[in-house]
Amino acid sequence: MAVKQFGRTWTKRDTLKSAMYFLLHFFIFIVLAAGVLLFDKLSNIGPYMKENGADYLYALFGCLLLITIMYFYFLFENKELLSRGKDITMLFTVLDVYFLICWVVGAKIELYARPVALLSLLIFVLVGRREAIFMTVISSLLIFVIDTFTCAASASAKEYYSSLIISFSSGMIAIFFCNKAKTRFAVVGIGVFIVFPINFIIFLLEISTFVDGATQTGLSDFQNIVIRMGYGFGGGVASAVIFLFILPIFEGMFNRLTVFRLRELTSSDAKILKKLKEEAPGTYNHSVMVAQLSEACAAAIGENVDYARAAALYHDVGKLHNPEHFTENQGDYNLHDELSPELSADIIRSHAHDGYTLIRNHHLPEFFADVALQHHGTMPIRYFYAKALKMTDGELNIEDFSYLGPKPQTKIAAIVMICDASEAAVRAVNARTPEAAEKAIRAVIEERMDLEQFAECDITLGDLTKIRLALVNTLTGVYHHRIKYPNIKYKRTESGKTKGENE
């Protein structure tokens, strides 16, 4: 039975395809794990596997069970991720990297020095909170199974259990506090913060050494605990440091839009925005205003505020192709006075597709490109359609004077569409009172509803009402009444005092 989700139908073929993709990546993970764990035993592999083969087989089945559970979780909770092979690859790449780092640190340094919160931080930022919580459970159990049945690190059974508790606890704590981090370096603070629960757990779990007596290393019980807590400190901080180092690699490889990357892409130094500011200042200022409005509207209906603001900043970058043909960048002379209405309409509507192409060519997030392409939907370009009607007695095809679409596919694309038109409409009629602004904004929304521009996204009438109210509040705050300042001419008297008089 086909299930419709995230805008398309999920079929048995999709299930089979995603399952095969999962199985392929599991095979890659097992080959990687086997290569790492057995590399130094190749010279004696026969006798070694004869003695320990059962344990490795147990570990294999344990890993297969966990990966199967992982697949079914995403099948029921996040089919959108399963629908894209690139996202599955990203998920397993994070898992592979985490395993490799944990094995190297555990085998060569110390079990407690592992960057146990690394996977949790990566999945939280790259995918989401729920997925990060689930993957923390899976990865903790996966590493525990490999540790226990393959002796991946030379440690006692008690230390393996301690490592399981630490990796689960610190991963969860990192997820709970990661939402507070809005910059990359704020994550370092999280790394330092999770040191406290890590060391507290180490202290509680190692306190039994006081009962057992001296340690095998010859150190006192207290010294042993302090040293292991030091390793725990290093593991917590390393989680954040390694995260900061490899996150940009994942962002680039899989073109993921994270909160950190969003802030970089929306800064005034971002390449395309800087070019827009220099070559099309009117469009840039309009985009900044639309970004502010989109942010307010997204907050009003519970959408991602950062996504809405960023998409709005980039929605008109296609105007860089012909900036002088757009009103906000023109002076007293209008280039369209010399062009036919058909040609003018073609130039104007091309900026949506030009923006899509420009964004994709610069390897920016596809989400930006989609909003740039969809923010006018299939709306007619009224000015040039009306101009053409005056110049001909025959019938005109309105589609020749309309944007090519598609219509908005997401709520954020619909928000940017409404904010883009509302900002221009309110400014055009100089609506400075809430009543006048509300009238202009209502007309914008109703026109798009009449032309079925919201038919392909899941925005509701309740959402549109909240968007309208948010726009009225924001725009009347921007285009508010100002008192008229009197003209006074200042001059300095012979005594050195300043004197003013009305002009």
Protein backbone atom coordinates (compact mmCIF):
# COMPACT_ATOMS: atom_id res chain seq x y z
CA MET A 1 0.00 0.00 0.00
CA ALA A 2 1.45 3.35 -1.04
CA VAL A 3 1.81 6.00 1.63
CA LYS A 4 1.90 9.67 0.74
CA GLN A 5 4.45 11.63 2.74
CA PHE A 6 6.60 14.77 2.33
CA GLY A 7 4.88 15.71 -0.93
CA ARG A 8 5.15 12.42 -2.82
CA THR A 9 4.01 8.81 -2.69
CA TRP A 10 6.15 6.24 -0.86
CA THR A 11 5.97 2.86 -2.59
CA LYS A 12 7.23 -0.69 -2.05
CA ARG A 13 9.91 0.07 -4.61
CA ASP A 14 11.15 2.92 -2.41
CA THR A 15 11.23 0.59 0.60
CA LEU A 16 13.23 -2.02 -1.30
CA LYS A 17 15.61 0.56 -2.73
CA SER A 18 16.29 2.20 0.64
CA ALA A 19 16.72 -1.19 2.33
CA MET A 20 19.29 -2.24 -0.27
CA TYR A 21 21.11 1.06 0.21
CA PHE A 22 21.16 0.50 3.96
CA LEU A 23 22.44 -3.04 3.48
CA LEU A 24 25.23 -1.82 1.19
CA HIS A 25 26.40 0.73 3.76
CA PHE A 26 26.19 -1.83 6.54
CA PHE A 27 28.46 -4.10 4.48
CA ILE A 28 30.91 -1.20 4.03
CA PHE A 29 30.82 -0.58 7.80
CA ILE A 30 31.52 -4.25 8.57
CA VAL A 31 34.40 -4.40 6.07
CA LEU A 32 35.84 -1.22 7.59
CA ALA A 33 35.46 -2.56 11.14
CA ALA A 34 36.96 -5.92 10.23
CA GLY A 35 39.91 -4.28 8.51
CA VAL A 36 40.64 -2.08 11.52
CA LEU A 37 40.14 -4.77 14.17
CA LEU A 38 42.01 -7.58 12.40
CA PHE A 39 44.78 -5.67 10.62
CA ASP A 40 47.48 -6.46 13.19
CA LYS A 41 46.33 -10.09 13.38
CA LEU A 42 46.62 -10.96 9.69
CA SER A 43 49.86 -12.91 10.18
CA ASN A 44 48.08 -15.23 12.62
CA ILE A 45 44.53 -14.88 11.35
CA GLY A 46 43.71 -18.61 11.12
CA PRO A 47 44.41 -19.63 14.73
CA TYR A 48 43.08 -16.30 16.01
CA MET A 49 39.70 -16.68 14.28
CA LYS A 50 39.50 -20.32 15.33
CA GLU A 51 39.78 -19.19 18.93
CA ASN A 52 37.70 -15.99 18.71
CA GLY A 53 35.49 -16.55 15.65
CA ALA A 54 32.34 -17.12 17.71
CA ASP A 55 32.76 -13.76 19.45
CA TYR A 56 33.22 -11.95 16.13
CA LEU A 57 30.15 -13.70 14.71
CA TYR A 58 28.15 -12.61 17.75
CA ALA A 59 29.35 -9.05 17.24
CA LEU A 60 28.37 -9.24 13.55
CA PHE A 61 24.83 -10.36 14.35
CA GLY A 62 24.56 -7.75 17.10
CA CYS A 63 25.57 -4.98 14.68
CA LEU A 64 23.16 -6.30 12.03
CA LEU A 65 20.31 -6.23 14.55
CA LEU A 66 21.08 -2.64 15.56
CA ILE A 67 21.33 -1.47 11.94
CA THR A 68 18.02 -3.20 11.16
CA ILE A 69 16.37 -1.36 14.06
CA MET A 70 17.95 1.83 12.77
CA TYR A 71 16.42 1.25 9.32
CA PHE A 72 12.93 0.63 10.67
CA TYR A 73 13.13 3.74 12.83
CA PHE A 74 13.74 5.91 9.78
CA LEU A 75 11.16 3.98 7.75
CA PHE A 76 8.45 4.88 10.26
CA GLU A 77 9.71 8.24 11.51
CA ASN A 78 11.65 9.93 8.69
CA LYS A 79 10.99 8.53 5.22
CA GLU A 80 12.30 11.75 3.73
CA LEU A 81 15.84 10.83 4.79
CA LEU A 82 15.46 7.32 3.38
CA SER A 83 14.22 8.71 0.07
CA ARG A 84 17.62 10.29 -0.64
CA GLY A 85 20.62 8.01 -1.03
CA LYS A 86 22.89 10.95 -0.30
CA ASP A 87 21.37 11.35 3.17
CA ILE A 88 21.78 7.64 3.94
CA THR A 89 25.42 7.92 2.86
CA MET A 90 25.85 10.90 5.17
CA LEU A 91 24.33 9.00 8.09
CA PHE A 92 26.66 6.04 7.67
CA THR A 93 29.68 8.25 6.98
CA VAL A 94 29.13 9.90 10.38
CA LEU A 95 28.85 6.43 11.93
CA ASP A 96 32.02 5.21 10.15
CA VAL A 97 34.04 8.25 11.19
CA TYR A 98 32.81 7.99 14.77
CA PHE A 99 33.74 4.31 14.95
CA LEU A 100 37.23 4.92 13.53
CA ILE A 101 37.98 7.76 15.94
CA CYS A 102 36.63 5.81 18.93
CA TRP A 103 38.67 2.74 18.00
CA VAL A 104 41.93 4.69 17.52
CA VAL A 105 41.52 6.61 20.78
CA GLY A 106 40.31 3.58 22.76
CA ALA A 107 43.04 1.24 21.47
CA LYS A 108 45.98 3.65 21.38
CA ILE A 109 45.25 6.11 24.18
CA GLU A 110 42.53 5.33 26.72
CA LEU A 111 38.91 4.17 26.64
CA TYR A 112 37.68 7.19 28.61
CA ALA A 113 39.40 9.63 26.24
CA ARG A 114 37.02 8.84 23.39
CA PRO A 115 35.09 11.83 21.94
CA VAL A 116 31.84 10.20 22.97
CA ALA A 117 29.55 13.15 22.11
CA LEU A 118 30.88 13.59 18.57
CA LEU A 119 28.22 11.57 16.75
CA SER A 120 25.41 13.15 18.80
CA LEU A 121 26.56 16.66 17.89
CA LEU A 122 26.98 15.83 14.20
CA ILE A 123 23.60 14.13 13.79
CA PHE A 124 21.83 16.86 15.78
CA VAL A 125 23.22 19.62 13.56
CA LEU A 126 23.06 17.76 10.23
CA VAL A 127 19.71 15.99 10.64
CA GLY A 128 17.75 16.87 13.77
CA ARG A 129 17.11 16.36 17.48
CA ARG A 130 14.98 13.20 17.38
CA GLU A 131 17.36 11.48 14.99
CA ALA A 132 20.32 12.50 17.15
CA ILE A 133 18.73 11.00 20.28
CA PHE A 134 18.00 7.73 18.49
CA MET A 135 21.44 7.53 16.86
CA THR A 136 23.09 8.17 20.23
CA VAL A 137 21.41 5.03 21.56
CA ILE A 138 22.34 2.99 18.46
CA SER A 139 25.97 4.19 18.31
CA SER A 140 26.52 3.62 22.05
CA LEU A 141 25.25 0.04 21.78
CA LEU A 142 27.14 -0.54 18.54
CA ILE A 143 30.49 0.51 20.00
CA PHE A 144 29.73 -1.49 23.17
CA VAL A 145 29.03 -4.66 21.15
CA ILE A 146 32.24 -4.23 19.15
CA ASP A 147 34.26 -3.49 22.30
CA THR A 148 32.89 -6.41 24.26
CA PHE A 149 33.09 -9.17 21.68
CA THR A 150 36.18 -8.15 19.71
CA CYS A 151 38.33 -6.63 22.48
CA ALA A 152 38.71 -3.45 20.40
CA ALA A 153 40.44 -1.82 23.36
CA SER A 154 42.53 -3.50 26.02
CA ALA A 155 40.23 -2.80 28.95
CA SER A 156 38.24 -4.66 31.56
CA ALA A 157 34.56 -5.57 31.25
CA LYS A 158 33.77 -2.94 33.89
CA GLU A 159 35.41 -0.25 31.76
CA TYR A 160 33.37 -1.31 28.72
CA TYR A 161 30.17 -0.91 30.72
CA SER A 162 31.41 2.42 32.04
CA SER A 163 32.16 3.56 28.49
CA LEU A 164 28.61 2.61 27.41
CA ILE A 165 27.04 4.68 30.19
CA ILE A 166 29.36 7.63 29.52
CA SER A 167 28.80 7.67 25.75
CA PHE A 168 25.02 7.50 26.16
CA SER A 169 24.84 10.11 28.94
CA SER A 170 27.27 12.63 27.44
CA GLY A 171 25.65 12.28 24.00
CA MET A 172 22.22 13.04 25.44
CA ILE A 173 23.49 16.00 27.42
CA ALA A 174 25.22 17.40 24.33
CA ILE A 175 21.95 17.14 22.37
CA PHE A 176 19.93 18.86 25.07
CA PHE A 177 22.31 21.81 25.24
CA CYS A 178 23.32 22.02 21.58
CA ASN A 179 20.16 23.97 20.77
CA LYS A 180 21.60 26.87 22.74
CA ALA A 181 24.72 27.03 20.55
CA LYS A 182 24.23 29.49 17.69
CA THR A 183 27.88 29.78 16.67
CA ARG A 184 30.53 27.15 15.99
CA PHE A 185 32.67 28.19 18.92
CA ALA A 186 29.75 28.09 21.31
CA VAL A 187 29.95 24.33 20.77
CA VAL A 188 33.32 24.36 22.55
CA GLY A 189 31.43 25.52 25.62
CA ILE A 190 29.22 22.45 25.29
CA GLY A 191 32.35 20.28 25.07
CA VAL A 192 33.61 21.79 28.31
CA PHE A 193 30.19 21.49 29.94
CA ILE A 194 29.78 17.78 29.21
CA VAL A 195 33.14 17.17 30.92
CA PHE A 196 31.38 17.54 34.28
CA PRO A 197 28.89 14.68 33.86
CA ILE A 198 31.58 12.54 32.18
CA ASN A 199 33.96 12.99 35.09
CA PHE A 200 31.18 12.57 37.63
CA ILE A 201 30.26 9.22 36.03
CA ILE A 202 33.93 8.18 35.90
CA PHE A 203 34.35 9.07 39.56
CA LEU A 204 31.26 7.07 40.59
CA LEU A 205 32.18 4.07 38.45
CA GLU A 206 35.84 4.03 39.49
CA ILE A 207 35.18 4.59 43.18
CA SER A 208 35.16 0.81 43.57
CA THR A 209 38.96 0.89 43.28
CA PHE A 210 39.02 2.14 46.86
CA VAL A 211 37.45 -1.15 47.86
CA ASP A 212 39.56 -3.37 45.57
CA GLY A 213 42.85 -1.90 46.76
CA ALA A 214 45.82 -0.82 44.64
CA THR A 215 45.48 -0.68 40.90
CA GLN A 216 47.39 -2.84 38.43
CA THR A 217 49.40 0.17 37.29
CA GLY A 218 50.96 0.62 40.69
CA LEU A 219 49.35 4.03 41.13
CA SER A 220 47.30 4.88 44.18
CA ASP A 221 43.54 4.64 43.90
CA PHE A 222 43.18 8.42 43.99
CA GLN A 223 45.83 8.95 41.31
CA ASN A 224 44.16 6.40 39.05
CA ILE A 225 40.79 8.15 39.34
CA VAL A 226 42.32 11.59 38.69
CA ILE A 227 44.15 10.33 35.60
CA ARG A 228 40.98 8.78 34.19
CA MET A 229 39.02 11.91 34.92
CA GLY A 230 41.72 13.77 32.99
CA TYR A 231 41.12 11.47 30.04
CA GLY A 232 37.40 12.14 30.42
CA PHE A 233 38.08 15.86 30.28
CA GLY A 234 40.05 15.37 27.07
CA GLY A 235 37.27 13.25 25.56
CA GLY A 236 34.61 15.88 26.27
CA VAL A 237 36.62 18.75 24.82
CA ALA A 238 37.77 16.60 21.89
CA SER A 239 34.13 15.93 21.00
CA ALA A 240 33.58 19.64 20.39
CA VAL A 241 36.96 20.31 18.75
CA ILE A 242 36.69 17.41 16.28
CA PHE A 243 33.07 18.40 15.61
CA LEU A 244 34.16 21.93 14.67
CA PHE A 245 36.88 20.53 12.42
CA ILE A 246 34.84 18.01 10.44
CA LEU A 247 31.40 19.71 10.35
CA PRO A 248 32.36 21.99 7.41
CA ILE A 249 33.49 18.88 5.52
CA PHE A 250 30.08 17.27 5.98
CA GLU A 251 28.32 20.54 5.15
CA GLY A 252 30.23 20.76 1.88
CA MET A 253 30.15 17.07 0.90
CA PHE A 254 26.42 16.64 1.52
CA ASN A 255 25.34 20.28 1.02
CA ARG A 256 23.64 20.41 4.41
CA LEU A 257 22.12 23.62 5.67
CA THR A 258 23.08 23.95 9.35
CA VAL A 259 22.51 26.85 11.72
CA PHE A 260 26.25 27.60 11.62
CA ARG A 261 26.41 27.59 7.83
CA LEU A 262 23.25 29.70 7.68
CA ARG A 263 24.89 32.43 9.71
CA GLU A 264 27.91 32.43 7.41
CA LEU A 265 25.79 32.49 4.25
CA THR A 266 23.64 35.36 5.51
CA SER A 267 26.46 37.62 6.62
CA SER A 268 27.18 40.75 4.58
CA ASP A 269 30.48 39.19 3.51
CA ALA A 270 28.79 36.22 1.78
CA LYS A 271 29.96 36.24 -1.84
CA ILE A 272 26.63 36.56 -3.68
CA LEU A 273 25.09 38.96 -1.14
CA LYS A 274 28.17 41.16 -1.31
CA LYS A 275 27.91 41.24 -5.09
CA LEU A 276 24.18 42.01 -4.85
CA LYS A 277 24.89 44.89 -2.49
CA GLU A 278 27.47 46.38 -4.88
CA GLU A 279 25.77 45.82 -8.23
CA ALA A 280 22.07 45.96 -7.31
CA PRO A 281 21.79 48.00 -4.08
CA GLY A 282 18.05 48.52 -4.49
CA THR A 283 17.45 44.79 -4.75
CA TYR A 284 19.74 44.14 -1.80
CA ASN A 285 17.85 46.58 0.44
CA HIS A 286 14.54 45.09 -0.69
CA SER A 287 15.85 41.59 0.11
CA VAL A 288 16.95 42.67 3.60
CA MET A 289 13.47 44.04 4.23
CA VAL A 290 11.80 40.87 2.92
CA ALA A 291 14.14 38.82 5.14
CA GLN A 292 12.99 40.77 8.20
CA LEU A 293 9.35 40.27 7.26
CA SER A 294 9.83 36.56 6.50
CA GLU A 295 11.49 36.08 9.87
CA ALA A 296 8.49 37.59 11.66
CA CYS A 297 6.01 35.52 9.63
CA ALA A 298 7.93 32.27 10.15
CA ALA A 299 7.96 32.89 13.90
CA ALA A 300 4.21 33.54 13.82
CA ILE A 301 3.37 30.14 12.30
CA GLY A 302 6.14 28.09 13.94
CA GLU A 303 8.40 27.66 10.91
CA ASN A 304 12.21 27.75 11.02
CA VAL A 305 13.07 31.42 11.43
CA ASP A 306 16.69 31.07 10.28
CA TYR A 307 15.67 29.22 7.11
CA ALA A 308 13.04 31.84 6.26
CA ARG A 309 15.41 34.75 6.76
CA ALA A 310 18.19 33.14 4.71
CA ALA A 311 15.92 32.11 1.84
CA ALA A 312 14.49 35.62 1.67
CA LEU A 313 17.95 37.19 1.46
CA TYR A 314 18.70 35.06 -1.61
CA HIS A 315 15.28 35.08 -3.28
CA ASP A 316 16.09 37.86 -5.77
CA VAL A 317 19.76 37.17 -6.55
CA GLY A 318 18.72 36.32 -10.11
CA LYS A 319 18.35 40.05 -10.70
CA LEU A 320 22.15 40.25 -10.82
CA HIS A 321 21.85 39.09 -14.44
CA ASN A 322 20.11 42.34 -15.48
CA PRO A 323 20.00 44.60 -12.40
CA GLU A 324 19.27 47.79 -14.36
CA HIS A 325 16.01 46.33 -15.68
CA PHE A 326 14.40 46.28 -12.22
CA THR A 327 12.71 49.35 -10.80
CA GLU A 328 14.51 49.39 -7.45
CA ASN A 329 17.88 49.71 -9.22
CA GLN A 330 16.84 52.34 -11.77
CA GLY A 331 17.17 56.08 -11.59
CA ASP A 332 14.96 58.44 -13.55
CA TYR A 333 15.33 56.49 -16.79
CA ASN A 334 13.40 53.26 -17.35
CA LEU A 335 15.00 50.86 -19.85
CA HIS A 336 11.65 49.15 -20.43
CA ASP A 337 10.37 52.27 -22.21
CA GLU A 338 12.38 51.12 -25.23
CA LEU A 339 11.28 47.46 -25.08
CA SER A 340 8.14 45.61 -26.09
CA PRO A 341 5.93 44.41 -23.24
CA GLU A 342 6.63 40.79 -24.24
CA LEU A 343 10.41 41.26 -24.04
CA SER A 344 10.15 43.18 -20.78
CA ALA A 345 8.01 40.44 -19.23
CA ASP A 346 10.50 37.81 -20.37
CA ILE A 347 13.40 39.72 -18.76
CA ILE A 348 11.50 40.23 -15.50
CA ARG A 349 10.31 36.66 -15.11
CA SER A 350 13.70 35.19 -15.98
CA HIS A 351 15.14 36.39 -12.66
CA ALA A 352 13.47 33.49 -10.84
CA HIS A 353 15.20 30.85 -12.96
CA ASP A 354 18.43 32.90 -13.09
CA GLY A 355 18.44 32.95 -9.29
CA TYR A 356 17.98 29.19 -9.15
CA THR A 357 20.85 28.65 -11.58
CA LEU A 358 23.17 31.13 -9.82
CA ILE A 359 22.58 29.54 -6.42
CA ARG A 360 23.14 26.01 -7.72
CA ASN A 361 26.28 27.03 -9.63
CA HIS A 362 27.73 28.41 -6.39
CA HIS A 363 26.95 25.09 -4.64
CA LEU A 364 24.69 26.79 -2.13
CA PRO A 365 21.85 24.88 -0.44
CA GLU A 366 19.16 23.61 -2.79
CA PHE A 367 16.56 25.06 -0.44
CA PHE A 368 17.67 28.59 -1.37
CA ALA A 369 17.47 27.75 -5.07
CA ASP A 370 13.97 26.28 -4.71
CA VAL A 371 12.63 29.37 -2.95
CA ALA A 372 14.23 31.65 -5.57
CA LEU A 373 12.49 29.64 -8.31
CA GLN A 374 9.11 29.44 -6.56
CA HIS A 375 8.68 32.84 -4.93
CA HIS A 376 6.57 34.22 -7.81
CA GLY A 377 4.84 30.94 -8.59
CA THR A 378 2.84 31.34 -11.80
CA MET A 379 1.70 34.89 -11.06
CA PRO A 380 1.07 37.23 -14.01
CA ILE A 381 3.34 40.24 -14.42
CA ARG A 382 0.50 42.73 -14.29
CA TYR A 383 2.30 45.90 -15.36
CA PHE A 384 3.50 44.56 -18.70
CA TYR A 385 0.32 42.56 -19.32
CA ALA A 386 -1.71 45.76 -18.87
CA LYS A 387 0.74 47.64 -21.10
CA ALA A 388 0.39 45.01 -23.82
CA LEU A 389 -3.42 45.16 -23.59
CA LYS A 390 -3.29 48.86 -24.37
CA MET A 391 -1.11 48.27 -27.41
CA THR A 392 -3.22 45.60 -29.10
CA ASP A 393 -6.83 45.00 -30.06
CA GLY A 394 -6.39 41.23 -30.27
CA GLU A 395 -6.42 38.63 -27.56
CA LEU A 396 -3.33 38.06 -25.46
CA ASN A 397 -2.26 34.84 -23.81
CA ILE A 398 -1.75 35.77 -20.16
CA GLU A 399 0.72 32.89 -19.77
CA ASP A 400 3.12 34.83 -22.02
CA PHE A 401 3.17 37.47 -19.28
CA SER A 402 3.32 35.11 -16.29
CA TYR A 403 6.10 33.55 -14.26
CA LEU A 404 6.90 29.98 -15.19
CA GLY A 405 6.61 28.49 -11.71
CA PRO A 406 6.51 26.14 -9.99
CA LYS A 407 4.16 27.35 -7.31
CA PRO A 408 5.49 27.40 -3.72
CA GLN A 409 6.12 23.87 -2.47
CA THR A 410 6.81 24.75 1.18
CA LYS A 411 5.43 27.14 3.76
CA ILE A 412 8.65 29.14 3.73
CA ALA A 413 8.46 29.59 -0.06
CA ALA A 414 4.86 30.82 0.41
CA ILE A 415 5.99 33.20 3.16
CA VAL A 416 8.69 34.69 0.95
CA MET A 417 6.15 35.07 -1.90
CA ILE A 418 3.73 36.99 0.35
CA CYS A 419 6.41 39.12 2.02
CA ASP A 420 8.04 39.99 -1.31
CA ALA A 421 4.77 41.29 -2.76
CA SER A 422 3.52 42.88 0.47
CA GLU A 423 6.68 44.92 1.02
CA ALA A 424 6.41 46.34 -2.49
CA ALA A 425 2.63 46.91 -2.22
CA VAL A 426 2.78 48.75 1.12
CA ARG A 427 5.68 50.90 -0.06
CA ALA A 428 3.94 51.67 -3.38
CA VAL A 429 0.76 53.03 -1.74
CA ASN A 430 2.72 54.66 1.10
CA ALA A 431 0.56 52.84 3.64
CA ARG A 432 1.66 54.20 7.01
CA THR A 433 -1.37 53.29 9.11
CA PRO A 434 -2.25 49.74 10.22
CA GLU A 435 -5.56 49.98 8.34
CA ALA A 436 -3.94 50.97 5.05
CA ALA A 437 -1.19 48.37 5.41
CA GLU A 438 -3.71 45.66 6.30
CA LYS A 439 -5.79 46.50 3.20
CA ALA A 440 -2.75 46.25 0.90
CA ILE A 441 -1.50 43.00 2.47
CA ARG A 442 -4.96 41.41 2.41
CA ALA A 443 -5.22 42.21 -1.31
CA VAL A 444 -1.84 40.56 -1.94
CA ILE A 445 -2.84 37.36 -0.12
CA GLU A 446 -6.33 37.16 -1.64
CA GLU A 447 -4.98 37.64 -5.16
CA ARG A 448 -2.61 34.71 -4.70
CA MET A 449 -5.37 32.59 -3.20
CA ASP A 450 -7.64 33.37 -6.17
CA LEU A 451 -4.86 32.29 -8.54
CA GLU A 452 -4.29 29.11 -6.48
CA GLN A 453 -0.66 29.90 -5.74
CA PHE A 454 -0.77 27.99 -2.42
CA ALA A 455 -2.34 24.83 -3.85
CA GLU A 456 0.90 22.83 -3.77
CA CYS A 457 2.06 23.58 -0.22
CA ASP A 458 0.47 22.76 3.13
CA ILE A 459 -0.13 26.32 4.31
CA THR A 460 -3.53 26.83 5.98
CA LEU A 461 -6.00 29.70 6.23
CA GLY A 462 -5.01 30.02 9.88
CA ASP A 463 -1.36 30.37 8.84
CA LEU A 464 -2.27 33.04 6.29
CA THR A 465 -4.16 35.01 8.94
CA LYS A 466 -1.18 34.90 11.29
CA ILE A 467 1.13 35.93 8.43
CA ARG A 468 -1.11 38.88 7.57
CA LEU A 469 -1.15 40.12 11.17
CA ALA A 470 2.62 39.71 11.51
CA LEU A 471 3.15 41.69 8.31
CA VAL A 472 0.85 44.51 9.43
CA ASN A 473 2.70 44.83 12.75
CA THR A 474 6.14 44.72 11.16
CA LEU A 475 5.50 46.95 8.15
CA THR A 476 3.68 49.65 10.11
CA GLY A 477 6.65 49.63 12.48
CA VAL A 478 9.01 50.22 9.56
CA TYR A 479 6.93 52.67 7.52
CA HIS A 480 5.61 54.63 10.49
CA HIS A 481 4.67 58.29 10.63
CA ARG A 482 7.47 60.73 11.38
CA ILE A 483 6.98 64.30 12.64
CA LYS A 484 8.01 66.96 10.18
CA TYR A 485 11.13 68.70 11.39
CA PRO A 486 11.14 72.52 11.08
CA ASN A 487 13.81 74.13 8.89
CA ILE A 488 16.18 76.05 11.13
CA LYS A 489 19.33 77.79 10.02
CA TYR A 490 22.09 77.85 12.61
CA LYS A 491 24.81 80.49 12.82
CA ARG A 492 27.44 81.47 15.29
CA THR A 493 27.26 84.99 16.82
CA GLU A 494 30.23 87.29 17.48
CA SER A 495 30.20 86.23 21.12
CA GLY A 496 30.76 82.64 20.08
CA LYS A 497 27.25 81.39 20.85
CA THR A 498 25.10 79.40 18.46
CA LYS A 499 21.86 81.02 17.34
CA GLY A 500 19.05 79.51 15.30
CA GLU A 501 16.31 81.12 13.29
CA ASN A 502 13.51 79.75 11.11
CA GLU A 503 14.09 79.73 7.37
